[in-house]
Amino acid sequence: MSPASVNRIPSARPAPAASEGVIDKFLDAIWMERGLSVNTLGAYRADLLALQRWLAQRDTSLIYASRADLLAFIANRATEGAKPRSTARQLSSFRRFYRFLLREGMIQEDPTVKIEMPKIGRALPKALTESEVESLLNAPEISDPLGHRDRAMLEVLYATGLRVSELINLRQNQVNLNQGVLRVSGKGDRERLIPLGEEAQRWVRDFVNGPRIEILLERQSEYLFPTRRGDHMTRQAFWHIIKRYAKKADIGGKLSPHTLRHAFATHLLNNGADLRVVQMLLGHSDLSTTQIYTHVARERMKELHAQHHPRG
């Protein structure tokens, strides 16, 4: 799907055609360069259109905005209650956009050069304990075909650390049960092979040979974990499933769609896995993204020390 087809955000007043065309050109360029997802491209578009609308009210063009214009926009967002993390994401979008304009020779100076990113604390992902993961995995009612599917999905998620989007779009031809591996194309179309443990292999094999057939009846589907319509599950639907099973398993705290991905990484590191291996399994392009899990493991070790050491 071309970035130009990403749903456009309606504005209070019509956007100048020239600026709109430049936004489309920018999105097409970064889509071709980096293979970004439609959601990411949509976020870039929303950020740029928000800035464009604000500038238009001040008779200023998006293309020729100055550093002072951008600082005023950021200050206005802060007075409206924008959080630093949200502001940082928007500023990142603006930087990439104006660097593109500079590279294309459309502007002579990047207005974002001397604007500092707001300081934000890096939030640690919620990490379930191994016993909590076990409770979550046992929550689905496997006598029901859909419950069996959900159990198999949770097992695969915890065994591989897949992103939720990768899991729900997983096709049968991406799974090799004889070799015990998955082949996944993640962000930026980077392909990786991930080992599938024996327990997850067993659940997938049992699901494919029985409950999956009951779910589909006479339908055909390329997806490993289909809905009754033969389509893949949506992210929102899977998120609701996780929340329902977490409640059933009596797991408190705020969870995220990546809860089992976080648990996968944290438990590997807790048990001595090499950080580079975890990076490769997760499909992170930058090791610094994976390093956050070392902080999670370190916090867990502190908790265990405080709980069990006589002088903790």
C-alpha atoms as a PDB file:
ATOM      1  CA  MET A   1       0.000   0.000   0.000  1.00  0.00           C
ATOM      2  CA  SER A   2       1.401   3.385  -1.023  1.00  0.00           C
ATOM      3  CA  PRO A   3       1.729   6.042   1.689  1.00  0.00           C
ATOM      4  CA  ALA A   4      -0.392   8.352  -0.462  1.00  0.00           C
ATOM      5  CA  SER A   5      -3.348   6.043   0.281  1.00  0.00           C
ATOM      6  CA  VAL A   6      -3.020   6.418   4.059  1.00  0.00           C
ATOM      7  CA  ASN A   7      -6.204   7.999   5.424  1.00  0.00           C
ATOM      8  CA  ARG A   8      -5.780  11.724   5.583  1.00  0.00           C
ATOM      9  CA  ILE A   9      -6.597  13.643   8.731  1.00  0.00           C
ATOM     10  CA  PRO A  10      -9.372  16.191   8.111  1.00  0.00           C
ATOM     11  CA  SER A  11      -8.367  19.775   8.847  1.00  0.00           C
ATOM     12  CA  ALA A  12     -10.312  22.812   9.953  1.00  0.00           C
ATOM     13  CA  ARG A  13      -9.300  24.650   6.765  1.00  0.00           C
ATOM     14  CA  PRO A  14      -8.076  23.293   3.401  1.00  0.00           C
ATOM     15  CA  ALA A  15      -4.358  22.501   3.325  1.00  0.00           C
ATOM     16  CA  PRO A  16      -2.292  24.297   0.662  1.00  0.00           C
ATOM     17  CA  ALA A  17      -1.907  22.003  -2.308  1.00  0.00           C
ATOM     18  CA  ALA A  18       1.837  22.543  -2.487  1.00  0.00           C
ATOM     19  CA  SER A  19       2.418  21.514   1.127  1.00  0.00           C
ATOM     20  CA  GLU A  20       0.053  18.556   0.779  1.00  0.00           C
ATOM     21  CA  GLY A  21       1.990  17.366  -2.248  1.00  0.00           C
ATOM     22  CA  VAL A  22       5.296  17.696  -0.400  1.00  0.00           C
ATOM     23  CA  ILE A  23       3.965  15.620   2.498  1.00  0.00           C
ATOM     24  CA  ASP A  24       2.936  12.891   0.056  1.00  0.00           C
ATOM     25  CA  LYS A  25       6.350  13.034  -1.635  1.00  0.00           C
ATOM     26  CA  PHE A  26       8.075  12.775   1.767  1.00  0.00           C
ATOM     27  CA  LEU A  27       5.940   9.791   2.830  1.00  0.00           C
ATOM     28  CA  ASP A  28       6.577   8.001  -0.471  1.00  0.00           C
ATOM     29  CA  ALA A  29      10.332   8.554  -0.076  1.00  0.00           C
ATOM     30  CA  ILE A  30      10.639   7.203   3.470  1.00  0.00           C
ATOM     31  CA  TRP A  31       8.295   4.327   2.643  1.00  0.00           C
ATOM     32  CA  MET A  32      10.608   3.276  -0.187  1.00  0.00           C
ATOM     33  CA  GLU A  33      13.770   3.811   1.881  1.00  0.00           C
ATOM     34  CA  ARG A  34      12.765   2.143   5.131  1.00  0.00           C
ATOM     35  CA  GLY A  35       9.710  -0.013   4.420  1.00  0.00           C
ATOM     36  CA  LEU A  36       7.742   1.593   7.263  1.00  0.00           C
ATOM     37  CA  SER A  37       4.312   0.328   8.262  1.00  0.00           C
ATOM     38  CA  VAL A  38       1.082   2.079   7.270  1.00  0.00           C
ATOM     39  CA  ASN A  39       0.496   2.949  10.947  1.00  0.00           C
ATOM     40  CA  THR A  40       3.885   4.679  11.185  1.00  0.00           C
ATOM     41  CA  LEU A  41       3.321   6.569   7.952  1.00  0.00           C
ATOM     42  CA  GLY A  42      -0.114   7.600   9.192  1.00  0.00           C
ATOM     43  CA  ALA A  43       1.468   8.967  12.363  1.00  0.00           C
ATOM     44  CA  TYR A  44       3.939  11.036  10.304  1.00  0.00           C
ATOM     45  CA  ARG A  45       1.081  12.416   8.221  1.00  0.00           C
ATOM     46  CA  ALA A  46      -0.991  13.290  11.299  1.00  0.00           C
ATOM     47  CA  ASP A  47       1.959  15.108  12.922  1.00  0.00           C
ATOM     48  CA  LEU A  48       2.733  17.132   9.790  1.00  0.00           C
ATOM     49  CA  LEU A  49      -0.894  18.031   9.133  1.00  0.00           C
ATOM     50  CA  ALA A  50      -1.321  19.143  12.756  1.00  0.00           C
ATOM     51  CA  LEU A  51       1.659  21.482  12.331  1.00  0.00           C
ATOM     52  CA  GLN A  52       0.437  22.607   8.911  1.00  0.00           C
ATOM     53  CA  ARG A  53      -3.025  23.535  10.259  1.00  0.00           C
ATOM     54  CA  TRP A  54      -1.507  25.460  13.161  1.00  0.00           C
ATOM     55  CA  LEU A  55       0.870  27.360  10.858  1.00  0.00           C
ATOM     56  CA  ALA A  56      -1.901  28.105   8.345  1.00  0.00           C
ATOM     57  CA  GLN A  57      -3.836  29.937  11.063  1.00  0.00           C
ATOM     58  CA  ARG A  58      -0.786  32.219  11.291  1.00  0.00           C
ATOM     59  CA  ASP A  59      -0.435  32.596   7.520  1.00  0.00           C
ATOM     60  CA  THR A  60       2.776  30.568   7.528  1.00  0.00           C
ATOM     61  CA  SER A  61       3.700  27.790   5.098  1.00  0.00           C
ATOM     62  CA  LEU A  62       4.738  24.359   6.355  1.00  0.00           C
ATOM     63  CA  ILE A  63       7.652  24.336   3.941  1.00  0.00           C
ATOM     64  CA  TYR A  64       9.085  27.643   5.093  1.00  0.00           C
ATOM     65  CA  ALA A  65       8.436  27.379   8.835  1.00  0.00           C
ATOM     66  CA  SER A  66      11.188  28.781  11.018  1.00  0.00           C
ATOM     67  CA  ARG A  67      12.733  27.530  14.235  1.00  0.00           C
ATOM     68  CA  ALA A  68      10.688  30.144  16.094  1.00  0.00           C
ATOM     69  CA  ASP A  69       7.490  28.835  14.468  1.00  0.00           C
ATOM     70  CA  LEU A  70       8.239  25.280  15.579  1.00  0.00           C
ATOM     71  CA  LEU A  71       9.128  26.368  19.115  1.00  0.00           C
ATOM     72  CA  ALA A  72       5.852  28.307  19.297  1.00  0.00           C
ATOM     73  CA  PHE A  73       3.939  25.223  18.135  1.00  0.00           C
ATOM     74  CA  ILE A  74       5.651  23.057  20.765  1.00  0.00           C
ATOM     75  CA  ALA A  75       4.967  25.655  23.476  1.00  0.00           C
ATOM     76  CA  ASN A  76       1.321  25.805  22.469  1.00  0.00           C
ATOM     77  CA  ARG A  77       1.074  22.011  22.650  1.00  0.00           C
ATOM     78  CA  ALA A  78       2.593  22.101  26.151  1.00  0.00           C
ATOM     79  CA  THR A  79       0.005  24.626  27.364  1.00  0.00           C
ATOM     80  CA  GLU A  80      -2.711  22.320  26.032  1.00  0.00           C
ATOM     81  CA  GLY A  81      -1.338  19.492  28.181  1.00  0.00           C
ATOM     82  CA  ALA A  82       0.733  17.547  25.659  1.00  0.00           C
ATOM     83  CA  LYS A  83       3.067  15.059  27.346  1.00  0.00           C
ATOM     84  CA  PRO A  84       6.831  15.137  26.665  1.00  0.00           C
ATOM     85  CA  ARG A  85       6.740  11.732  24.980  1.00  0.00           C
ATOM     86  CA  SER A  86       4.075  12.906  22.520  1.00  0.00           C
ATOM     87  CA  THR A  87       5.993  16.122  21.813  1.00  0.00           C
ATOM     88  CA  ALA A  88       9.206  14.149  21.265  1.00  0.00           C
ATOM     89  CA  ARG A  89       7.458  11.910  18.736  1.00  0.00           C
ATOM     90  CA  GLN A  90       6.126  14.926  16.820  1.00  0.00           C
ATOM     91  CA  LEU A  91       9.502  16.631  16.835  1.00  0.00           C
ATOM     92  CA  SER A  92      11.063  13.445  15.474  1.00  0.00           C
ATOM     93  CA  SER A  93       8.542  13.544  12.596  1.00  0.00           C
ATOM     94  CA  PHE A  94       9.369  17.195  11.889  1.00  0.00           C
ATOM     95  CA  ARG A  95      13.112  16.512  11.888  1.00  0.00           C
ATOM     96  CA  ARG A  96      12.799  13.753   9.354  1.00  0.00           C
ATOM     97  CA  PHE A  97      10.519  15.896   7.167  1.00  0.00           C
ATOM     98  CA  TYR A  98      12.752  18.987   7.129  1.00  0.00           C
ATOM     99  CA  ARG A  99      15.872  16.916   6.558  1.00  0.00           C
ATOM    100  CA  PHE A 100      14.106  15.497   3.518  1.00  0.00           C
ATOM    101  CA  LEU A 101      13.287  19.011   2.276  1.00  0.00           C
ATOM    102  CA  LEU A 102      16.904  20.067   2.817  1.00  0.00           C
ATOM    103  CA  ARG A 103      18.192  17.021   0.935  1.00  0.00           C
ATOM    104  CA  GLU A 104      15.803  17.741  -1.937  1.00  0.00           C
ATOM    105  CA  GLY A 105      17.010  21.349  -2.128  1.00  0.00           C
ATOM    106  CA  MET A 106      13.585  22.755  -1.257  1.00  0.00           C
ATOM    107  CA  ILE A 107      14.877  24.672   1.776  1.00  0.00           C
ATOM    108  CA  GLN A 108      18.274  26.116   2.649  1.00  0.00           C
ATOM    109  CA  GLU A 109      18.203  25.530   6.418  1.00  0.00           C
ATOM    110  CA  ASP A 110      16.697  22.884   8.692  1.00  0.00           C
ATOM    111  CA  PRO A 111      14.571  24.684  11.341  1.00  0.00           C
ATOM    112  CA  THR A 112      14.754  21.710  13.725  1.00  0.00           C
ATOM    113  CA  VAL A 113      18.570  21.662  14.035  1.00  0.00           C
ATOM    114  CA  LYS A 114      18.842  23.579  17.306  1.00  0.00           C
ATOM    115  CA  ILE A 115      15.642  22.334  18.922  1.00  0.00           C
ATOM    116  CA  GLU A 116      16.355  19.919  21.764  1.00  0.00           C
ATOM    117  CA  MET A 117      14.240  16.864  22.397  1.00  0.00           C
ATOM    118  CA  PRO A 118      12.202  17.048  25.618  1.00  0.00           C
ATOM    119  CA  LYS A 119      13.643  14.913  28.381  1.00  0.00           C
ATOM    120  CA  ILE A 120      11.525  11.836  29.004  1.00  0.00           C
ATOM    121  CA  GLY A 121      12.100   8.917  31.302  1.00  0.00           C
ATOM    122  CA  ARG A 122      12.317   5.597  29.560  1.00  0.00           C
ATOM    123  CA  ALA A 123       9.462   3.481  30.838  1.00  0.00           C
ATOM    124  CA  LEU A 124      10.280  -0.101  31.692  1.00  0.00           C
ATOM    125  CA  PRO A 125       7.947  -2.606  30.048  1.00  0.00           C
ATOM    126  CA  LYS A 126       5.678  -4.620  32.311  1.00  0.00           C
ATOM    127  CA  ALA A 127       7.319  -8.009  32.797  1.00  0.00           C
ATOM    128  CA  LEU A 128       5.275 -10.963  33.975  1.00  0.00           C
ATOM    129  CA  THR A 129       6.859 -13.530  36.248  1.00  0.00           C
ATOM    130  CA  GLU A 130       7.233 -17.052  34.949  1.00  0.00           C
ATOM    131  CA  SER A 131       4.375 -18.220  37.198  1.00  0.00           C
ATOM    132  CA  GLU A 132       2.135 -15.418  35.879  1.00  0.00           C
ATOM    133  CA  VAL A 133       2.921 -16.460  32.310  1.00  0.00           C
ATOM    134  CA  GLU A 134       2.023 -20.037  33.208  1.00  0.00           C
ATOM    135  CA  SER A 135      -1.314 -18.874  34.619  1.00  0.00           C
ATOM    136  CA  LEU A 136      -2.005 -16.808  31.502  1.00  0.00           C
ATOM    137  CA  LEU A 137      -1.206 -19.723  29.194  1.00  0.00           C
ATOM    138  CA  ASN A 138      -3.540 -21.986  31.148  1.00  0.00           C
ATOM    139  CA  ALA A 139      -6.459 -19.519  31.058  1.00  0.00           C
ATOM    140  CA  PRO A 140      -8.062 -20.435  27.671  1.00  0.00           C
ATOM    141  CA  GLU A 141     -10.669 -23.207  27.644  1.00  0.00           C
ATOM    142  CA  ILE A 142      -9.019 -25.627  25.224  1.00  0.00           C
ATOM    143  CA  SER A 143     -12.086 -27.854  24.837  1.00  0.00           C
ATOM    144  CA  ASP A 144     -13.489 -25.038  22.674  1.00  0.00           C
ATOM    145  CA  PRO A 145     -11.827 -24.709  19.212  1.00  0.00           C
ATOM    146  CA  LEU A 146     -11.400 -20.947  19.597  1.00  0.00           C
ATOM    147  CA  GLY A 147      -9.989 -21.433  23.098  1.00  0.00           C
ATOM    148  CA  HIS A 148      -7.529 -23.976  21.701  1.00  0.00           C
ATOM    149  CA  ARG A 149      -6.545 -21.452  19.026  1.00  0.00           C
ATOM    150  CA  ASP A 150      -6.004 -18.782  21.682  1.00  0.00           C
ATOM    151  CA  ARG A 151      -3.836 -21.139  23.752  1.00  0.00           C
ATOM    152  CA  ALA A 152      -1.723 -21.980  20.711  1.00  0.00           C
ATOM    153  CA  MET A 153      -1.339 -18.268  19.905  1.00  0.00           C
ATOM    154  CA  LEU A 154      -0.243 -17.450  23.457  1.00  0.00           C
ATOM    155  CA  GLU A 155       2.223 -20.351  23.433  1.00  0.00           C
ATOM    156  CA  VAL A 156       3.751 -19.175  20.146  1.00  0.00           C
ATOM    157  CA  LEU A 157       3.915 -15.579  21.369  1.00  0.00           C
ATOM    158  CA  TYR A 158       5.761 -16.525  24.543  1.00  0.00           C
ATOM    159  CA  ALA A 159       8.010 -19.038  22.764  1.00  0.00           C
ATOM    160  CA  THR A 160       9.114 -16.639  20.015  1.00  0.00           C
ATOM    161  CA  GLY A 161       8.689 -13.039  21.203  1.00  0.00           C
ATOM    162  CA  LEU A 162       6.811 -12.122  18.015  1.00  0.00           C
ATOM    163  CA  ARG A 163       5.157  -8.749  17.698  1.00  0.00           C
ATOM    164  CA  VAL A 164       1.365  -9.043  17.873  1.00  0.00           C
ATOM    165  CA  SER A 165       1.100  -7.853  14.257  1.00  0.00           C
ATOM    166  CA  GLU A 166       3.507 -10.613  13.216  1.00  0.00           C
ATOM    167  CA  LEU A 167       1.530 -13.237  15.124  1.00  0.00           C
ATOM    168  CA  ILE A 168      -1.918 -12.418  13.767  1.00  0.00           C
ATOM    169  CA  ASN A 169      -0.576 -12.245  10.199  1.00  0.00           C
ATOM    170  CA  LEU A 170       1.384 -15.492  10.504  1.00  0.00           C
ATOM    171  CA  ARG A 171       0.720 -17.796   7.546  1.00  0.00           C
ATOM    172  CA  GLN A 172       0.973 -21.555   7.484  1.00  0.00           C
ATOM    173  CA  ASN A 173       3.860 -21.492   5.006  1.00  0.00           C
ATOM    174  CA  GLN A 174       5.931 -19.464   7.487  1.00  0.00           C
ATOM    175  CA  VAL A 175       5.943 -22.308  10.016  1.00  0.00           C
ATOM    176  CA  ASN A 176       8.192 -25.346   9.661  1.00  0.00           C
ATOM    177  CA  LEU A 177       7.206 -27.808  12.392  1.00  0.00           C
ATOM    178  CA  ASN A 178       9.726 -30.398  11.169  1.00  0.00           C
ATOM    179  CA  GLN A 179      12.609 -28.019  11.781  1.00  0.00           C
ATOM    180  CA  GLY A 180      10.877 -26.164  14.610  1.00  0.00           C
ATOM    181  CA  VAL A 181      11.301 -22.634  13.220  1.00  0.00           C
ATOM    182  CA  LEU A 182       9.223 -19.646  12.112  1.00  0.00           C
ATOM    183  CA  ARG A 183      10.161 -17.361   9.235  1.00  0.00           C
ATOM    184  CA  VAL A 184       8.999 -13.796   9.863  1.00  0.00           C
ATOM    185  CA  SER A 185       9.329 -10.511   7.987  1.00  0.00           C
ATOM    186  CA  GLY A 186       9.289  -7.748  10.572  1.00  0.00           C
ATOM    187  CA  LYS A 187       9.743  -3.983  10.462  1.00  0.00           C
ATOM    188  CA  GLY A 188      11.531  -2.744   7.371  1.00  0.00           C
ATOM    189  CA  ASP A 189      10.852  -6.126   5.720  1.00  0.00           C
ATOM    190  CA  ARG A 190      13.773  -7.619   7.656  1.00  0.00           C
ATOM    191  CA  GLU A 191      13.409 -11.392   7.633  1.00  0.00           C
ATOM    192  CA  ARG A 192      14.424 -13.527  10.594  1.00  0.00           C
ATOM    193  CA  LEU A 193      14.213 -17.185  11.603  1.00  0.00           C
ATOM    194  CA  ILE A 194      13.021 -17.881  15.140  1.00  0.00           C
ATOM    195  CA  PRO A 195      13.196 -21.224  16.948  1.00  0.00           C
ATOM    196  CA  LEU A 196       9.836 -22.619  18.064  1.00  0.00           C
ATOM    197  CA  GLY A 197      10.159 -24.615  21.272  1.00  0.00           C
ATOM    198  CA  GLU A 198       8.817 -28.143  21.627  1.00  0.00           C
ATOM    199  CA  GLU A 199       5.852 -27.085  23.762  1.00  0.00           C
ATOM    200  CA  ALA A 200       4.737 -24.442  21.250  1.00  0.00           C
ATOM    201  CA  GLN A 201       5.296 -26.903  18.380  1.00  0.00           C
ATOM    202  CA  ARG A 202       2.996 -29.393  20.098  1.00  0.00           C
ATOM    203  CA  TRP A 203       0.228 -26.822  20.572  1.00  0.00           C
ATOM    204  CA  VAL A 204       0.448 -25.636  16.974  1.00  0.00           C
ATOM    205  CA  ARG A 205       0.456 -29.175  15.608  1.00  0.00           C
ATOM    206  CA  ASP A 206      -2.565 -30.153  17.735  1.00  0.00           C
ATOM    207  CA  PHE A 207      -4.391 -26.991  16.678  1.00  0.00           C
ATOM    208  CA  VAL A 208      -3.746 -27.471  12.955  1.00  0.00           C
ATOM    209  CA  ASN A 209      -4.828 -31.114  13.022  1.00  0.00           C
ATOM    210  CA  GLY A 210      -8.160 -30.516  14.761  1.00  0.00           C
ATOM    211  CA  PRO A 211      -9.562 -27.234  16.126  1.00  0.00           C
ATOM    212  CA  ARG A 212      -8.414 -25.190  13.118  1.00  0.00           C
ATOM    213  CA  ILE A 213     -10.448 -27.432  10.826  1.00  0.00           C
ATOM    214  CA  GLU A 214     -13.500 -27.013  13.104  1.00  0.00           C
ATOM    215  CA  ILE A 215     -13.120 -23.230  13.073  1.00  0.00           C
ATOM    216  CA  LEU A 216     -12.884 -23.007   9.285  1.00  0.00           C
ATOM    217  CA  LEU A 217     -15.384 -25.786   8.427  1.00  0.00           C
ATOM    218  CA  GLU A 218     -15.322 -25.796   4.585  1.00  0.00           C
ATOM    219  CA  ARG A 219     -13.439 -22.506   4.273  1.00  0.00           C
ATOM    220  CA  GLN A 220      -9.817 -22.155   3.214  1.00  0.00           C
ATOM    221  CA  SER A 221      -7.372 -19.747   4.844  1.00  0.00           C
ATOM    222  CA  GLU A 222      -3.663 -19.066   4.498  1.00  0.00           C
ATOM    223  CA  TYR A 223      -3.500 -17.737   8.056  1.00  0.00           C
ATOM    224  CA  LEU A 224      -2.256 -20.062  10.772  1.00  0.00           C
ATOM    225  CA  PHE A 225      -4.653 -18.664  13.384  1.00  0.00           C
ATOM    226  CA  PRO A 226      -7.821 -17.714  11.478  1.00  0.00           C
ATOM    227  CA  THR A 227     -11.151 -16.370  12.679  1.00  0.00           C
ATOM    228  CA  ARG A 228     -14.360 -18.217  11.792  1.00  0.00           C
ATOM    229  CA  ARG A 229     -14.550 -16.065   8.650  1.00  0.00           C
ATOM    230  CA  GLY A 230     -11.157 -17.364   7.530  1.00  0.00           C
ATOM    231  CA  ASP A 231      -9.508 -13.978   7.943  1.00  0.00           C
ATOM    232  CA  HIS A 232      -6.756 -13.043  10.373  1.00  0.00           C
ATOM    233  CA  MET A 233      -7.567 -11.615  13.798  1.00  0.00           C
ATOM    234  CA  THR A 234      -7.231  -7.866  14.341  1.00  0.00           C
ATOM    235  CA  ARG A 235      -4.753  -6.392  16.832  1.00  0.00           C
ATOM    236  CA  GLN A 236      -7.659  -5.007  18.836  1.00  0.00           C
ATOM    237  CA  ALA A 237      -9.371  -8.396  19.031  1.00  0.00           C
ATOM    238  CA  PHE A 238      -6.208 -10.107  20.208  1.00  0.00           C
ATOM    239  CA  TRP A 239      -5.617  -7.365  22.785  1.00  0.00           C
ATOM    240  CA  HIS A 240      -9.118  -7.968  24.184  1.00  0.00           C
ATOM    241  CA  ILE A 241      -8.327 -11.692  24.363  1.00  0.00           C
ATOM    242  CA  ILE A 242      -5.139 -11.025  26.363  1.00  0.00           C
ATOM    243  CA  LYS A 243      -7.001  -8.762  28.786  1.00  0.00           C
ATOM    244  CA  ARG A 244      -9.780 -11.317  29.249  1.00  0.00           C
ATOM    245  CA  TYR A 245      -7.375 -14.142  29.999  1.00  0.00           C
ATOM    246  CA  ALA A 246      -5.258 -11.926  32.266  1.00  0.00           C
ATOM    247  CA  LYS A 247      -8.370 -11.156  34.295  1.00  0.00           C
ATOM    248  CA  LYS A 248      -9.279 -14.840  34.422  1.00  0.00           C
ATOM    249  CA  ALA A 249      -5.715 -15.670  35.551  1.00  0.00           C
ATOM    250  CA  ASP A 250      -5.966 -12.939  38.228  1.00  0.00           C
ATOM    251  CA  ILE A 251      -2.963 -11.049  36.845  1.00  0.00           C
ATOM    252  CA  GLY A 252      -3.045  -7.479  38.111  1.00  0.00           C
ATOM    253  CA  GLY A 253      -1.336  -4.377  36.795  1.00  0.00           C
ATOM    254  CA  LYS A 254      -1.476  -2.645  33.454  1.00  0.00           C
ATOM    255  CA  LEU A 255      -0.640  -4.983  30.590  1.00  0.00           C
ATOM    256  CA  SER A 256       0.170  -4.141  26.991  1.00  0.00           C
ATOM    257  CA  PRO A 257      -0.307  -6.000  23.693  1.00  0.00           C
ATOM    258  CA  HIS A 258       3.415  -6.805  23.915  1.00  0.00           C
ATOM    259  CA  THR A 259       3.203  -8.315  27.416  1.00  0.00           C
ATOM    260  CA  LEU A 260       4.350 -11.781  26.328  1.00  0.00           C
ATOM    261  CA  ARG A 261       7.016 -10.319  24.017  1.00  0.00           C
ATOM    262  CA  HIS A 262       8.424  -8.483  27.030  1.00  0.00           C
ATOM    263  CA  ALA A 263       8.235 -11.660  29.118  1.00  0.00           C
ATOM    264  CA  PHE A 264      10.013 -13.628  26.379  1.00  0.00           C
ATOM    265  CA  ALA A 265      12.957 -11.189  26.321  1.00  0.00           C
ATOM    266  CA  THR A 266      13.171 -10.685  30.070  1.00  0.00           C
ATOM    267  CA  HIS A 267      13.038 -14.398  30.918  1.00  0.00           C
ATOM    268  CA  LEU A 268      15.710 -15.187  28.329  1.00  0.00           C
ATOM    269  CA  LEU A 269      18.041 -12.613  29.871  1.00  0.00           C
ATOM    270  CA  ASN A 270      17.183 -13.753  33.417  1.00  0.00           C
ATOM    271  CA  ASN A 271      18.316 -17.224  32.406  1.00  0.00           C
ATOM    272  CA  GLY A 272      21.620 -16.128  30.901  1.00  0.00           C
ATOM    273  CA  ALA A 273      20.863 -15.466  27.214  1.00  0.00           C
ATOM    274  CA  ASP A 274      23.240 -13.215  25.278  1.00  0.00           C
ATOM    275  CA  LEU A 275      21.859  -9.729  24.579  1.00  0.00           C
ATOM    276  CA  ARG A 276      22.831  -9.939  20.892  1.00  0.00           C
ATOM    277  CA  VAL A 277      20.874 -13.174  20.507  1.00  0.00           C
ATOM    278  CA  VAL A 278      17.803 -11.588  22.104  1.00  0.00           C
ATOM    279  CA  GLN A 279      18.194  -8.611  19.751  1.00  0.00           C
ATOM    280  CA  MET A 280      18.228 -10.947  16.760  1.00  0.00           C
ATOM    281  CA  LEU A 281      15.200 -12.914  17.980  1.00  0.00           C
ATOM    282  CA  LEU A 282      13.179  -9.772  18.634  1.00  0.00           C
ATOM    283  CA  GLY A 283      14.114  -8.261  15.280  1.00  0.00           C
ATOM    284  CA  HIS A 284      15.526  -5.036  16.745  1.00  0.00           C
ATOM    285  CA  SER A 285      17.720  -3.088  14.330  1.00  0.00           C
ATOM    286  CA  ASP A 286      19.449  -1.259  17.183  1.00  0.00           C
ATOM    287  CA  LEU A 287      20.931  -2.965  20.245  1.00  0.00           C
ATOM    288  CA  SER A 288      19.968   0.019  22.422  1.00  0.00           C
ATOM    289  CA  THR A 289      16.310  -0.931  21.939  1.00  0.00           C
ATOM    290  CA  THR A 290      17.013  -4.396  23.341  1.00  0.00           C
ATOM    291  CA  GLN A 291      19.070  -3.061  26.241  1.00  0.00           C
ATOM    292  CA  ILE A 292      15.952  -1.839  28.033  1.00  0.00           C
ATOM    293  CA  TYR A 293      15.308  -5.473  28.937  1.00  0.00           C
ATOM    294  CA  THR A 294      18.575  -5.628  30.846  1.00  0.00           C
ATOM    295  CA  HIS A 295      17.119  -2.935  33.111  1.00  0.00           C
ATOM    296  CA  VAL A 296      13.998  -5.030  33.612  1.00  0.00           C
ATOM    297  CA  ALA A 297      16.095  -8.059  34.524  1.00  0.00           C
ATOM    298  CA  ARG A 298      18.216  -5.943  36.860  1.00  0.00           C
ATOM    299  CA  GLU A 299      15.133  -4.592  38.656  1.00  0.00           C
ATOM    300  CA  ARG A 300      13.826  -8.128  39.047  1.00  0.00           C
ATOM    301  CA  MET A 301      17.144  -9.244  40.577  1.00  0.00           C
ATOM    302  CA  LYS A 302      16.964  -6.355  43.046  1.00  0.00           C
ATOM    303  CA  GLU A 303      13.457  -7.404  44.072  1.00  0.00           C
ATOM    304  CA  LEU A 304      14.548 -11.010  44.591  1.00  0.00           C
ATOM    305  CA  HIS A 305      17.576  -9.916  46.601  1.00  0.00           C
ATOM    306  CA  ALA A 306      15.477  -7.637  48.818  1.00  0.00           C
ATOM    307  CA  GLN A 307      12.889 -10.383  49.310  1.00  0.00           C
ATOM    308  CA  HIS A 308      15.168 -13.324  50.060  1.00  0.00           C
ATOM    309  CA  HIS A 309      18.504 -12.021  51.385  1.00  0.00           C
ATOM    310  CA  PRO A 310      18.659 -11.674  55.196  1.00  0.00           C
ATOM    311  CA  ARG A 311      20.179  -8.218  54.809  1.00  0.00           C
ATOM    312  CA  GLY A 312      18.148  -7.270  51.756  1.00  0.00           C
END
